[in-house]
């Protein structure tokens, strides 16, 4: 008896939704390719679920709930209702095919990112980033020099490593060297966020949005580099203004010596080779870039096997070097060394982020299948100038994460020139810098520099960041006018 009542609730909800479907939908037959659900209870329910889930994502820190959870549930509810309605009309295969198409897009993105994250984690485990941070601290730079160096490193590292990892690394350097100077930490963090987002805009590997655009095939790999100068302008303009508000005294940070673990440089070389494999797979073989990335992940696994086989020799060599240098601290740490395990690096991938992408892509895909994205595309790209629409997309990405925004644009697939596709790629990437919540880098740094770099402190510099945003658009329109 209890079992019957357990299943009665969902059935009643679905029945009510079905009852609210517009007459046009109820009149549908199997001959129809797709039902019209935009002005129906099903459509309104889907929008409500997505908005509710995204509000929970934006309130992640206050609710203490991982961002992947609400969007995954929302995706399940949206596609579940769609599947129920299409099954009632005898067309379950249409909804199933649409779901599988979106799932395939996510699978390619998931495996690509998993390989990239594993390489980044491997470099971190080999202490490559610790060594870079120690080198910067040891050089005795002034705070103004640190401001520019961390900003430029964020700009040039993020095209290879993702902007989130780059921002976290540079923030660690800033906090190490700043000491108690909270004003410097705030301005430097803003500079890092702007630099990382701008650097990620001119490379398929720099941001999830550029990766999606490249995988979709609307922009070729080499064409992204046309955004280099506009992206550089986006970073330099606000950085130049902010630098005048930084004192030029030296840092009081303590110098520390960091030794990279065996194979650190070879892991970097393998990562660069893996990127080349991904580019070649897409450009010369006509295969998805994920083929090259997964092949590179296999090479990292093979190299991990080599490191494990030679672990004893490596430990003996390190112990000998420590004894020769009379480095007691390093000698004491030799016993803590463990063999390299590539699967432990895979386990440390940002699983919450990877599952968040699943929820977002499936939610937006469901809304697109219902017909809402076509309506938005018609409203924006049918009645507006494409340039204005793409600039607005960038502003929107400062409030709503740029991943669902860009996926929505790709799903709309408006008829645009290469110059316009490059424009929306750039604005979606750098527009997130306008607010601290507009990008993964900004959100992560608010957690790393908690109480110092905040939403409010970033907001005070938004007009300056907006100058860079406008300047980068104008430079792109001027330099790349032949692509429009």
Protein backbone atom coordinates (compact mmCIF):
# COMPACT_ATOMS: atom_id res chain seq x y z
CA UNK A 1 0.00 0.00 0.00
CA UNK A 2 2.83 2.37 0.85
CA UNK A 3 4.52 1.52 -2.44
CA UNK A 4 1.47 2.64 -4.38
CA UNK A 5 1.43 5.99 -2.60
CA UNK A 6 5.14 6.48 -3.25
CA UNK A 7 4.60 6.33 -6.99
CA UNK A 8 1.33 8.19 -7.05
CA UNK A 9 2.90 11.64 -6.32
CA UNK A 10 5.18 11.82 -9.41
CA UNK A 11 2.42 10.42 -11.60
CA UNK A 12 0.01 13.15 -10.48
CA UNK A 13 2.62 15.85 -11.14
CA UNK A 14 3.28 14.53 -14.64
CA UNK A 15 -0.42 14.22 -15.33
CA UNK A 16 -0.96 17.84 -14.30
CA UNK A 17 1.89 18.95 -16.55
CA UNK A 18 0.41 16.98 -19.42
CA UNK A 19 -2.94 18.61 -18.80
CA UNK A 20 -1.35 22.05 -19.05
CA UNK A 21 0.19 21.33 -22.45
CA UNK A 22 -1.18 23.59 -25.16
CA UNK A 23 -3.76 22.23 -27.62
CA UNK A 24 -1.17 22.39 -30.39
CA UNK A 25 0.93 19.88 -28.51
CA UNK A 26 -1.97 17.59 -27.72
CA UNK A 27 -2.85 17.53 -31.39
CA UNK A 28 0.61 16.27 -32.30
CA UNK A 29 1.02 13.02 -34.21
CA UNK A 30 3.94 10.75 -34.85
CA UNK A 31 4.38 12.37 -38.24
CA UNK A 32 5.49 15.57 -36.52
CA UNK A 33 9.24 15.89 -36.11
CA UNK A 34 8.99 17.77 -32.82
CA UNK A 35 6.30 19.00 -30.46
CA UNK A 36 5.82 22.68 -29.69
CA UNK A 37 6.30 22.99 -25.93
CA UNK A 38 7.44 26.58 -25.51
CA UNK A 39 3.99 27.86 -24.45
CA UNK A 40 3.06 24.94 -22.27
CA UNK A 41 3.24 23.83 -18.66
CA UNK A 42 6.11 21.52 -19.57
CA UNK A 43 8.14 24.41 -20.96
CA UNK A 44 7.43 26.66 -17.99
CA UNK A 45 8.34 23.81 -15.63
CA UNK A 46 11.67 23.31 -17.41
CA UNK A 47 12.54 27.01 -17.18
CA UNK A 48 11.57 27.10 -13.49
CA UNK A 49 13.78 24.08 -12.72
CA UNK A 50 16.77 25.58 -14.54
CA UNK A 51 16.39 28.99 -12.88
CA UNK A 52 15.97 27.43 -9.44
CA UNK A 53 19.02 25.20 -9.94
CA UNK A 54 21.13 28.10 -11.13
CA UNK A 55 20.11 30.28 -8.20
CA UNK A 56 21.34 27.50 -5.93
CA UNK A 57 24.62 27.43 -7.87
CA UNK A 58 25.09 31.17 -7.40
CA UNK A 59 24.41 30.76 -3.67
CA UNK A 60 26.82 27.83 -3.36
CA UNK A 61 28.91 29.39 -0.59
CA UNK A 62 25.88 30.33 1.54
CA UNK A 63 23.97 27.08 1.04
CA UNK A 64 27.12 24.93 1.34
CA UNK A 65 25.95 22.69 -1.48
CA UNK A 66 28.20 21.65 -4.34
CA UNK A 67 27.21 23.35 -7.60
CA UNK A 68 26.89 20.08 -9.51
CA UNK A 69 24.03 18.74 -7.39
CA UNK A 70 21.17 21.11 -8.29
CA UNK A 71 21.95 21.22 -12.02
CA UNK A 72 22.17 17.43 -12.30
CA UNK A 73 18.77 17.08 -10.61
CA UNK A 74 17.33 19.84 -12.82
CA UNK A 75 18.65 18.09 -15.94
CA UNK A 76 17.04 14.84 -14.86
CA UNK A 77 13.67 16.52 -14.23
CA UNK A 78 13.72 18.47 -17.50
CA UNK A 79 14.57 15.49 -19.69
CA UNK A 80 12.32 13.19 -17.65
CA UNK A 81 9.30 15.39 -18.35
CA UNK A 82 10.28 15.73 -22.02
CA UNK A 83 10.60 11.94 -22.31
CA UNK A 84 7.21 11.42 -20.62
CA UNK A 85 5.43 13.83 -22.98
CA UNK A 86 7.01 12.35 -26.11
CA UNK A 87 6.23 8.81 -24.94
CA UNK A 88 2.58 9.81 -24.50
CA UNK A 89 2.58 10.93 -28.13
CA UNK A 90 4.22 7.73 -29.36
CA UNK A 91 7.53 9.45 -30.25
CA UNK A 92 9.99 8.40 -27.51
CA UNK A 93 12.80 7.88 -30.05
CA UNK A 94 12.85 11.60 -30.94
CA UNK A 95 13.52 12.70 -27.35
CA UNK A 96 15.96 9.83 -26.85
CA UNK A 97 17.98 10.80 -29.93
CA UNK A 98 18.12 14.45 -28.83
CA UNK A 99 19.28 13.45 -25.34
CA UNK A 100 21.99 11.18 -26.76
CA UNK A 101 23.25 13.98 -29.02
CA UNK A 102 23.72 16.29 -26.03
CA UNK A 103 25.25 13.45 -24.02
CA UNK A 104 27.81 12.82 -26.78
CA UNK A 105 28.82 16.49 -26.73
CA UNK A 106 29.31 16.27 -22.99
CA UNK A 107 31.27 13.01 -23.25
CA UNK A 108 33.81 14.62 -25.60
CA UNK A 109 34.17 17.63 -23.31
CA UNK A 110 34.39 15.42 -20.20
CA UNK A 111 37.18 13.20 -21.49
CA UNK A 112 39.10 16.17 -22.89
CA UNK A 113 38.97 18.01 -19.56
CA UNK A 114 39.73 14.86 -17.56
CA UNK A 115 42.98 14.37 -19.50
CA UNK A 116 43.94 18.04 -19.13
CA UNK A 117 43.14 18.09 -15.40
CA UNK A 118 45.18 14.93 -14.85
CA UNK A 119 48.22 16.53 -16.47
CA UNK A 120 47.82 19.67 -14.35
CA UNK A 121 47.52 17.55 -11.20
CA UNK A 122 50.58 15.55 -12.23
CA UNK A 123 52.61 18.76 -12.64
CA UNK A 124 51.38 19.92 -9.24
CA UNK A 125 52.36 16.58 -7.66
CA UNK A 126 55.83 16.85 -9.22
CA UNK A 127 56.07 20.27 -7.47
CA UNK A 128 56.47 22.24 -10.69
CA UNK A 129 54.17 25.04 -9.50
CA UNK A 130 55.81 25.14 -6.06
CA UNK A 131 59.17 25.62 -7.74
CA UNK A 132 57.81 28.46 -9.88
CA UNK A 133 56.37 30.20 -6.83
CA UNK A 134 59.63 29.80 -4.89
CA UNK A 135 61.62 31.21 -7.82
CA UNK A 136 59.48 34.34 -7.90
CA UNK A 137 59.73 34.84 -4.16
CA UNK A 138 63.50 34.38 -4.28
CA UNK A 139 64.01 37.08 -6.90
CA UNK A 140 63.10 39.85 -4.45
CA UNK A 141 60.65 41.66 -6.74
CA UNK A 142 58.80 44.76 -5.55
CA UNK A 143 55.05 44.54 -5.13
CA UNK A 144 54.44 46.49 -8.34
CA UNK A 145 56.70 44.08 -10.21
CA UNK A 146 54.86 41.15 -8.64
CA UNK A 147 51.59 42.71 -9.80
CA UNK A 148 52.75 42.83 -13.42
CA UNK A 149 54.58 39.50 -13.38
CA UNK A 150 51.68 37.52 -11.91
CA UNK A 151 49.27 39.23 -14.31
CA UNK A 152 51.37 38.45 -17.38
CA UNK A 153 52.04 34.89 -16.21
CA UNK A 154 48.30 34.42 -15.72
CA UNK A 155 47.76 35.75 -19.25
CA UNK A 156 50.38 33.50 -20.89
CA UNK A 157 49.96 30.33 -18.81
CA UNK A 158 46.15 30.16 -19.03
CA UNK A 159 46.16 29.44 -22.82
CA UNK A 160 47.94 26.16 -22.00
CA UNK A 161 46.75 25.36 -18.50
CA UNK A 162 43.14 26.32 -17.80
CA UNK A 163 42.45 29.77 -16.33
CA UNK A 164 41.21 28.35 -13.01
CA UNK A 165 44.46 26.51 -12.24
CA UNK A 166 46.51 29.47 -13.42
CA UNK A 167 44.60 31.92 -11.23
CA UNK A 168 44.99 29.74 -8.13
CA UNK A 169 48.74 29.41 -8.71
CA UNK A 170 49.28 33.14 -9.18
CA UNK A 171 47.10 33.96 -6.17
CA UNK A 172 49.27 31.70 -4.02
CA UNK A 173 52.33 33.70 -5.15
CA UNK A 174 50.61 37.02 -4.39
CA UNK A 175 49.50 35.98 -0.91
CA UNK A 176 52.97 34.62 -0.15
CA UNK A 177 54.68 37.87 -1.11
CA UNK A 178 52.09 40.41 0.09
CA UNK A 179 52.13 39.54 3.78
CA UNK A 180 49.52 41.69 5.52
CA UNK A 181 49.00 44.14 2.64
CA UNK A 182 45.31 43.42 1.98
CA UNK A 183 44.94 46.28 -0.49
CA UNK A 184 47.66 44.80 -2.69
CA UNK A 185 46.14 41.30 -2.46
CA UNK A 186 42.76 42.64 -3.61
CA UNK A 187 44.10 44.56 -6.61
CA UNK A 188 46.51 41.76 -7.57
CA UNK A 189 43.71 39.16 -7.42
CA UNK A 190 41.53 41.29 -9.71
CA UNK A 191 44.47 41.63 -12.09
CA UNK A 192 45.01 37.86 -12.06
CA UNK A 193 41.34 37.14 -12.80
CA UNK A 194 41.34 39.61 -15.71
CA UNK A 195 44.66 38.27 -17.02
CA UNK A 196 43.66 34.61 -16.76
CA UNK A 197 40.29 35.16 -18.46
CA UNK A 198 41.83 37.32 -21.20
CA UNK A 199 44.62 34.79 -21.81
CA UNK A 200 42.13 31.95 -22.02
CA UNK A 201 40.15 33.75 -24.73
CA UNK A 202 42.67 33.32 -27.54
CA UNK A 203 43.35 29.59 -27.10
CA UNK A 204 41.09 26.54 -27.40
CA UNK A 205 42.75 25.19 -24.24
CA UNK A 206 42.41 28.35 -22.18
CA UNK A 207 38.74 28.16 -21.25
CA UNK A 208 35.79 25.80 -21.50
CA UNK A 209 34.01 28.24 -23.83
CA UNK A 210 36.85 28.36 -26.36
CA UNK A 211 37.16 24.58 -26.16
CA UNK A 212 33.45 24.15 -26.96
CA UNK A 213 33.70 26.57 -29.89
CA UNK A 214 36.71 24.72 -31.28
CA UNK A 215 35.17 21.27 -30.82
CA UNK A 216 32.01 22.50 -32.54
CA UNK A 217 34.10 23.43 -35.58
CA UNK A 218 32.78 26.98 -36.03
CA UNK A 219 36.30 28.42 -35.48
CA UNK A 220 39.51 26.68 -36.55
CA UNK A 221 42.48 26.29 -34.19
CA UNK A 222 44.73 28.91 -35.80
CA UNK A 223 41.90 31.45 -36.08
CA UNK A 224 41.78 31.82 -32.29
CA UNK A 225 45.14 33.58 -32.40
CA UNK A 226 43.49 36.52 -34.18
CA UNK A 227 42.18 37.33 -30.71
CA UNK A 228 45.65 37.62 -29.16
CA UNK A 229 46.03 41.41 -29.44
CA UNK A 230 42.40 42.19 -28.44
CA UNK A 231 42.78 39.87 -25.45
CA UNK A 232 46.09 41.50 -24.52
CA UNK A 233 44.40 44.91 -24.65
CA UNK A 234 41.63 43.60 -22.42
CA UNK A 235 44.25 42.75 -19.79
CA UNK A 236 46.70 45.64 -20.16
CA UNK A 237 44.23 48.55 -20.06
CA UNK A 238 42.82 47.87 -16.55
CA UNK A 239 46.21 46.60 -15.31
CA UNK A 240 47.92 49.85 -16.31
CA UNK A 241 45.35 51.88 -14.39
CA UNK A 242 45.38 49.65 -11.30
CA UNK A 243 49.19 49.61 -11.12
CA UNK A 244 49.21 53.32 -10.14
CA UNK A 245 47.45 52.38 -6.90
CA UNK A 246 50.16 49.92 -5.80
CA UNK A 247 53.14 50.91 -3.68
CA UNK A 248 56.55 50.06 -5.06
CA UNK A 249 58.20 48.74 -1.88
CA UNK A 250 59.77 45.30 -1.66
CA UNK A 251 58.27 42.09 -0.36
CA UNK A 252 59.03 40.69 3.09
CA UNK A 253 58.36 37.08 2.13
CA UNK A 254 60.82 34.43 3.28
CA UNK A 255 62.85 32.71 0.57
CA UNK A 256 62.43 28.94 0.36
CA UNK A 257 64.15 26.37 -1.78
CA UNK A 258 61.93 23.93 -3.66
CA UNK A 259 63.16 20.84 -5.49
CA UNK A 260 60.97 19.42 -8.21
CA UNK A 261 60.37 15.68 -8.16
CA UNK A 262 61.89 13.45 -10.84
CA UNK A 263 60.18 13.69 -14.22
CA UNK A 264 58.57 17.13 -13.68
CA UNK A 265 59.97 18.65 -16.87
CA UNK A 266 59.18 15.55 -18.87
CA UNK A 267 55.55 15.72 -17.72
CA UNK A 268 55.43 19.29 -19.07
CA UNK A 269 56.92 18.10 -22.38
CA UNK A 270 54.36 15.29 -22.56
CA UNK A 271 51.55 17.76 -21.92
CA UNK A 272 52.73 20.02 -24.75
CA UNK A 273 53.02 16.97 -27.00
CA UNK A 274 49.48 15.94 -26.00
CA UNK A 275 48.18 19.37 -27.02
CA UNK A 276 49.91 18.91 -30.40
CA UNK A 277 48.22 15.51 -30.74
CA UNK A 278 44.81 17.07 -30.04
CA UNK A 279 45.40 19.78 -32.65
CA UNK A 280 46.61 17.27 -35.24
CA UNK A 281 43.71 14.89 -34.59
CA UNK A 282 41.24 17.70 -35.29
CA UNK A 283 43.05 19.56 -38.06
CA UNK A 284 44.68 16.78 -40.11
CA UNK A 285 42.74 13.62 -39.29
CA UNK A 286 39.22 15.04 -39.08
CA UNK A 287 38.76 13.46 -35.65
CA UNK A 288 37.56 15.09 -32.41
CA UNK A 289 40.39 16.69 -30.35
CA UNK A 290 39.58 14.32 -27.49
CA UNK A 291 41.30 11.54 -29.45
CA UNK A 292 44.65 13.30 -29.10
CA UNK A 293 44.05 14.18 -25.44
CA UNK A 294 43.19 10.61 -24.44
CA UNK A 295 46.20 9.29 -26.37
CA UNK A 296 48.33 11.76 -24.41
CA UNK A 297 46.75 10.54 -21.17
CA UNK A 298 47.82 7.02 -22.15
CA UNK A 299 51.38 8.30 -22.67
CA UNK A 300 51.31 9.85 -19.19
CA UNK A 301 50.23 6.50 -17.78
CA UNK A 302 53.16 4.82 -19.54
CA UNK A 303 55.54 7.46 -18.20
CA UNK A 304 54.08 6.91 -14.73
CA UNK A 305 54.91 3.21 -15.08
CA UNK A 306 58.50 4.17 -15.98
CA UNK A 307 58.76 6.43 -12.90
CA UNK A 308 57.49 3.64 -10.64
CA UNK A 309 59.98 1.17 -12.06
CA UNK A 310 62.85 3.60 -11.44
CA UNK A 311 61.57 4.92 -8.10
CA UNK A 312 64.29 3.29 -5.98
CA UNK A 313 67.06 4.69 -8.17
CA UNK A 314 65.51 8.16 -8.10
CA UNK A 315 65.26 8.11 -4.28
CA UNK A 316 68.89 7.00 -3.98
CA UNK A 317 69.99 9.81 -6.28
CA UNK A 318 68.00 12.42 -4.33
CA UNK A 319 69.45 11.17 -1.04
CA UNK A 320 72.95 11.39 -2.46
CA UNK A 321 72.39 14.94 -3.73
CA UNK A 322 71.00 16.00 -0.33
CA UNK A 323 74.02 14.54 1.46
CA UNK A 324 76.42 16.25 -0.92
CA UNK A 325 74.67 19.60 -0.38
CA UNK A 326 74.34 18.99 3.38
CA UNK A 327 70.62 19.74 3.00
CA UNK A 328 69.19 18.27 6.21
CA UNK A 329 65.60 19.31 5.41
CA UNK A 330 65.62 17.64 2.00
CA UNK A 331 67.31 14.58 3.45
CA UNK A 332 64.59 14.28 6.09
CA UNK A 333 61.87 14.50 3.41
CA UNK A 334 63.32 11.70 1.29
CA UNK A 335 61.50 9.11 3.37
CA UNK A 336 58.17 10.78 2.56
CA UNK A 337 58.54 10.31 -1.20
CA UNK A 338 56.04 7.91 -2.78
CA UNK A 339 55.92 6.41 -6.29
CA UNK A 340 54.00 8.35 -8.93
CA UNK A 341 50.42 7.09 -9.30
CA UNK A 342 48.56 8.47 -12.33
CA UNK A 343 45.20 7.18 -11.06
CA UNK A 344 45.55 9.19 -7.88
CA UNK A 345 46.00 12.24 -10.13
CA UNK A 346 42.83 11.30 -12.03
CA UNK A 347 40.99 10.94 -8.72
CA UNK A 348 42.02 14.51 -7.79
CA UNK A 349 40.35 15.98 -10.88
CA UNK A 350 37.69 18.63 -10.25
CA UNK A 351 34.82 16.15 -10.26
CA UNK A 352 32.32 18.68 -8.99
CA UNK A 353 33.19 20.91 -11.95
CA UNK A 354 33.04 18.04 -14.44
CA UNK A 355 29.61 16.95 -13.18
CA UNK A 356 28.46 20.58 -13.14
CA UNK A 357 29.22 20.72 -16.87
CA UNK A 358 27.02 17.65 -17.36
CA UNK A 359 24.09 19.30 -15.58
CA UNK A 360 24.49 22.60 -17.41
CA UNK A 361 24.87 21.07 -20.87
CA UNK A 362 21.90 18.76 -20.42
CA UNK A 363 19.71 21.52 -18.92
CA UNK A 364 20.50 23.94 -21.74
CA UNK A 365 20.14 21.13 -24.27
CA UNK A 366 16.70 20.34 -22.88
CA UNK A 367 15.60 23.97 -23.09
CA UNK A 368 16.93 24.09 -26.63
CA UNK A 369 15.00 20.93 -27.56
CA UNK A 370 11.81 22.46 -26.18
CA UNK A 371 12.36 25.48 -28.43
CA UNK A 372 13.40 28.32 -26.13
CA UNK A 373 16.88 28.79 -27.57
CA UNK A 374 15.45 29.16 -31.06
CA UNK A 375 13.18 31.91 -29.72
CA UNK A 376 16.07 33.69 -28.00
CA UNK A 377 18.21 33.34 -31.11
CA UNK A 378 15.47 34.88 -33.23
CA UNK A 379 15.03 37.73 -30.76
CA UNK A 380 18.75 38.52 -30.43
CA UNK A 381 20.31 37.58 -33.74
CA UNK A 382 17.22 38.08 -35.87
CA UNK A 383 16.35 41.61 -34.74
CA UNK A 384 19.64 42.94 -33.31
CA UNK A 385 22.90 43.67 -35.02
CA UNK A 386 25.11 40.58 -34.37
CA UNK A 387 27.82 42.78 -32.86
CA UNK A 388 25.42 44.22 -30.29
CA UNK A 389 24.09 40.73 -29.52
CA UNK A 390 27.58 39.33 -28.99
CA UNK A 391 28.61 42.24 -26.77
CA UNK A 392 25.45 41.66 -24.71
CA UNK A 393 26.38 37.97 -24.41
CA UNK A 394 29.66 39.04 -22.79
CA UNK A 395 27.89 41.28 -20.27
CA UNK A 396 25.46 38.46 -19.50
CA UNK A 397 28.38 36.10 -18.80
CA UNK A 398 29.47 38.35 -15.92
CA UNK A 399 26.28 37.36 -14.06
CA UNK A 400 25.57 33.91 -15.47
CA UNK A 401 28.50 31.53 -15.90
CA UNK A 402 29.91 31.73 -19.43
CA UNK A 403 29.63 27.97 -19.97
CA UNK A 404 25.80 27.75 -20.22
CA UNK A 405 25.80 31.07 -22.11
CA UNK A 406 28.24 29.83 -24.75
CA UNK A 407 26.60 26.42 -24.99
CA UNK A 408 23.29 28.19 -25.58
CA UNK A 409 24.82 30.28 -28.39
CA UNK A 410 26.35 27.15 -29.98
CA UNK A 411 22.99 25.39 -29.72
CA UNK A 412 21.25 28.39 -31.34
CA UNK A 413 23.95 28.26 -34.06
CA UNK A 414 23.13 31.69 -35.55
CA UNK A 415 24.38 32.39 -39.06
CA UNK A 416 27.44 34.58 -38.34
CA UNK A 417 30.79 35.35 -39.92
CA UNK A 418 34.04 34.06 -38.42
CA UNK A 419 34.71 37.53 -37.02
CA UNK A 420 31.42 37.47 -35.12
CA UNK A 421 32.09 33.97 -33.78
CA UNK A 422 35.49 35.15 -32.57
CA UNK A 423 33.82 38.20 -31.02
CA UNK A 424 31.30 36.16 -29.02
CA UNK A 425 34.06 33.74 -28.00
CA UNK A 426 36.12 36.62 -26.63
CA UNK A 427 33.26 38.50 -24.96
CA UNK A 428 31.94 35.35 -23.26
CA UNK A 429 35.43 34.70 -21.90
CA UNK A 430 36.53 38.18 -20.82
CA UNK A 431 33.04 39.41 -19.90
CA UNK A 432 33.21 37.18 -16.84
CA UNK A 433 35.92 39.49 -15.45
CA UNK A 434 33.41 42.32 -14.93
CA UNK A 435 32.20 40.67 -11.71
CA UNK A 436 33.97 38.30 -9.35
CA UNK A 437 31.18 35.72 -9.78
CA UNK A 438 31.41 35.85 -13.58
CA UNK A 439 34.18 33.27 -13.94
CA UNK A 440 35.51 30.17 -12.24
CA UNK A 441 38.78 32.01 -11.61
CA UNK A 442 37.02 34.80 -9.72
CA UNK A 443 34.94 32.44 -7.61
CA UNK A 444 37.99 30.33 -6.75
CA UNK A 445 40.06 33.34 -5.69
CA UNK A 446 37.26 34.60 -3.44
CA UNK A 447 37.66 31.31 -1.61
CA UNK A 448 41.46 31.36 -1.59
CA UNK A 449 41.71 34.98 -0.40
CA UNK A 450 38.57 34.76 1.72
CA UNK A 451 37.57 38.03 3.36
CA UNK A 452 40.14 40.04 1.38
CA UNK A 453 39.18 39.59 -2.27
CA UNK A 454 35.39 39.83 -2.21
CA UNK A 455 32.49 40.58 -4.54
CA UNK A 456 32.37 44.16 -3.26
CA UNK A 457 36.09 44.81 -3.60
CA UNK A 458 35.99 43.56 -7.19
CA UNK A 459 32.89 45.61 -7.96
CA UNK A 460 34.73 48.85 -7.10
CA UNK A 461 37.09 48.19 -10.02
CA UNK A 462 34.40 47.08 -12.49
CA UNK A 463 34.38 50.46 -14.37
CA UNK A 464 38.13 50.09 -14.98
CA UNK A 465 37.70 46.47 -16.15
CA UNK A 466 34.85 47.64 -18.41
CA UNK A 467 37.27 50.02 -20.15
CA UNK A 468 39.42 47.03 -21.08
CA UNK A 469 36.32 45.12 -22.20
CA UNK A 470 35.24 47.94 -24.53
CA UNK A 471 38.79 48.52 -25.79
CA UNK A 472 39.27 44.83 -26.67
CA UNK A 473 36.04 44.82 -28.70
CA UNK A 474 37.05 47.94 -30.62
CA UNK A 475 40.52 46.54 -31.32
CA UNK A 476 39.02 43.27 -32.59
CA UNK A 477 36.60 45.12 -34.89
CA UNK A 478 39.49 47.23 -36.20
CA UNK A 479 42.23 44.60 -36.61
CA UNK A 480 40.07 41.70 -37.78
CA UNK A 481 37.59 43.59 -39.95
CA UNK A 482 38.39 41.27 -42.90
CA UNK A 483 36.82 38.35 -40.99
CA UNK A 484 33.42 40.02 -40.72
